[in-house]
């Protein structure tokens, strides 16, 4: 079965919008990302609904807390049967190891990845928050996530070339993907083809698909381009 590299961000405020989109999609050609907005409104029921339609779910809640709290939260998240879950690498090694422990206890086949630095941060904000530059911070966090046995990281496609990791199974999930290089919420944006060429394993796309008249036309175009 095709393991599509496309993850669609369900940045909606209402369940009816999710159902309307899902009815237009081929679940073999994409996965769905459920984030804080719609999960906060509907909770686990929204995950169950899209899973019942055959979609793999990336639960994007970016857990970042003390290790025991993250462990317990990950236990409950993986019990929902999600395909992928993320935590913040800035939570540290003990926190990430707790998340891995939870995953392994519930579903060893589920994917667990770590957010490095948010792609919305620009160089000025990073220089104000960190004593090191973006490249070194991302490299360090990626190495720590790998040593903690996470499956991969969330990062910008531009970060991948700077990460010293020869493990081809290590995943790079990249947001900030647009069909054209016009920026909005992200400091830098990339086309699907550029992201793949840079080493992206999966990429997250929102509005170019969710706002399209025929989302599958866009998805098929993207799959053809990569």
Foldseek 3Di string as FASTA:
>chain_A
DDPAQEEEEPPDQDLVLVVVLLVQDDQNHYAYEYEDRNCVVPNLVSVVVVVVSPHAYEYEYAAADAQVVLLVVLLVVVQSVHQEYEHALVSDLSNLLSNQVSCVVRPNRHAYEHEQDDQLDDQVNCVVVDVDGPLVSSQVSQVSNVVSPHQEYEDALVNLVSHPDPPLRHAYEYEQEDCDFDDDSGPGHYHLLSSVVSPHRHYYDYCVQSVDPRNVVVSVVSVVSD
